[in-house]
Structure formats: C-alpha cells, structure tokens
Amino acid sequence: MKTTATLIGIIIAIMTVTIFTVCISDITPPSPQASPSEVVETFASWYGDGYLEGCYSLMSTEYRNSTDLKTFKERINQCEKWGGFITSLSE
C-alpha cells in the first residue's frame, strides 16, 4: 500500500513538472526587427513544440489572407506524412 502511494506521488510530481515546463515554454514572437533566420529559427522551434498557431502567425499577411489556419495545419500534416522538409527544420 505504501509503495502504491509513493508511486502515485512520483507520477503526480512528474506530471506537475511536465505541465509547468510546457506552460513556461518560450512562445515570444520575434521582434519586428528580427532577421529572416531568426524568424525561421522561431518557426522551427514552435513547430517542434507543436505550436502551429504560432507558426501560422509568422507567415506573411498575404499568406494568412489567402490561407486559413485550418488549411495551414492540413498542409503541415500532409508534409509530415510525406516526410517533407518540415521535420528537418525542427531537428
């Protein structure tokens, strides 16, 4: 019984740390003066974290006006299925 309680305590501690880490992950957008490479690095980082809404926000206004978020996510998923370049950006 004591072992079960200890195990449950460890699991709760791990879950708490995981949730806290995810909540404080860096989702600060690059500054307007950021270089193109900084924007690409941010995109790759956010993509690796699964923050597709942020990735979408980094796209040009023209792109966002012609492509909604749902379509953007579908295209990202299609690239993943094809093993496209997106995977290599996040490594």
Protein backbone atom coordinates (compact mmCIF):
# COMPACT_ATOMS: atom_id res chain seq x y z
CA MET A 1 0.00 0.00 0.00
CA LYS A 2 2.84 2.37 0.90
CA THR A 3 4.56 1.54 -2.41
CA THR A 4 1.41 2.42 -4.36
CA ALA A 5 1.12 5.76 -2.58
CA THR A 6 4.77 6.52 -3.31
CA LEU A 7 4.33 5.59 -6.96
CA ILE A 8 1.25 7.80 -7.25
CA GLY A 9 3.18 10.66 -5.63
CA ILE A 10 6.02 10.27 -8.12
CA ILE A 11 3.61 10.20 -11.05
CA ILE A 12 1.87 13.36 -9.82
CA ALA A 13 5.23 15.09 -9.38
CA ILE A 14 6.32 14.15 -12.92
CA MET A 15 3.02 15.35 -14.37
CA THR A 16 3.27 18.64 -12.47
CA VAL A 17 6.80 19.31 -13.71
CA THR A 18 5.79 18.42 -17.28
CA ILE A 19 2.77 20.72 -17.23
CA PHE A 20 4.79 23.54 -15.66
CA THR A 21 7.55 23.16 -18.25
CA VAL A 22 5.08 23.27 -21.13
CA CYS A 23 3.34 26.33 -19.69
CA ILE A 24 6.57 28.33 -19.42
CA SER A 25 7.97 27.35 -22.81
CA ASP A 26 9.16 30.31 -24.85
CA ILE A 27 6.41 31.45 -27.17
CA THR A 28 7.62 35.02 -27.52
CA PRO A 29 7.39 36.09 -31.15
CA PRO A 30 10.46 37.51 -32.83
CA SER A 31 10.73 41.28 -32.85
CA PRO A 32 9.75 43.22 -35.97
CA GLN A 33 13.48 43.87 -36.48
CA ALA A 34 14.32 40.14 -36.39
CA SER A 35 16.38 38.75 -39.21
CA PRO A 36 14.84 36.20 -41.57
CA SER A 37 16.97 33.48 -39.97
CA GLU A 38 15.62 34.37 -36.51
CA VAL A 39 12.07 34.05 -37.82
CA VAL A 40 12.89 30.65 -39.37
CA GLU A 41 14.50 29.51 -36.11
CA THR A 42 11.39 30.58 -34.19
CA PHE A 43 9.16 28.76 -36.69
CA ALA A 44 11.24 25.58 -36.33
CA SER A 45 11.21 25.80 -32.55
CA TRP A 46 7.47 26.37 -32.38
CA TYR A 47 6.87 23.62 -34.90
CA GLY A 48 8.92 21.25 -32.76
CA ASP A 49 6.77 22.22 -29.76
CA GLY A 50 3.57 21.66 -31.77
CA TYR A 51 2.61 25.34 -31.61
CA LEU A 52 1.15 25.55 -35.12
CA GLU A 53 -0.91 28.64 -34.33
CA GLY A 54 2.34 30.47 -33.64
CA CYS A 55 3.91 29.12 -36.83
CA TYR A 56 0.91 30.37 -38.76
CA SER A 57 1.24 33.82 -37.17
CA LEU A 58 4.78 34.06 -38.58
CA MET A 59 3.52 33.67 -42.13
CA SER A 60 3.10 36.79 -44.25
CA THR A 61 -0.12 38.77 -44.14
CA GLU A 62 -0.69 37.88 -47.79
CA TYR A 63 -0.39 34.17 -46.99
CA ARG A 64 -2.71 34.39 -43.97
CA ASN A 65 -5.25 36.31 -46.05
CA SER A 66 -5.29 33.54 -48.64
CA THR A 67 -4.91 30.52 -46.32
CA ASP A 68 -6.84 29.97 -43.11
CA LEU A 69 -5.36 28.27 -40.03
CA LYS A 70 -7.21 25.02 -40.67
CA THR A 71 -5.77 24.74 -44.20
CA PHE A 72 -2.30 25.64 -42.91
CA LYS A 73 -2.48 22.83 -40.34
CA GLU A 74 -3.71 20.39 -43.00
CA ARG A 75 -0.76 21.30 -45.23
CA ILE A 76 1.70 20.85 -42.37
CA ASN A 77 0.19 17.44 -41.61
CA GLN A 78 0.45 16.49 -45.30
CA CYS A 79 4.14 17.47 -45.33
CA GLU A 80 4.69 15.29 -42.25
CA LYS A 81 3.03 12.34 -43.99
CA TRP A 82 5.30 12.81 -46.98
CA GLY A 83 8.34 13.13 -44.72
CA GLY A 84 8.85 16.66 -46.03
CA PHE A 85 11.36 19.27 -45.08
CA ILE A 86 9.36 20.41 -42.05
CA THR A 87 10.75 17.56 -39.95
CA SER A 88 14.33 18.56 -40.70
CA LEU A 89 13.64 22.15 -39.64
CA SER A 90 12.84 21.11 -36.09
CA GLU A 91 15.92 18.95 -35.57
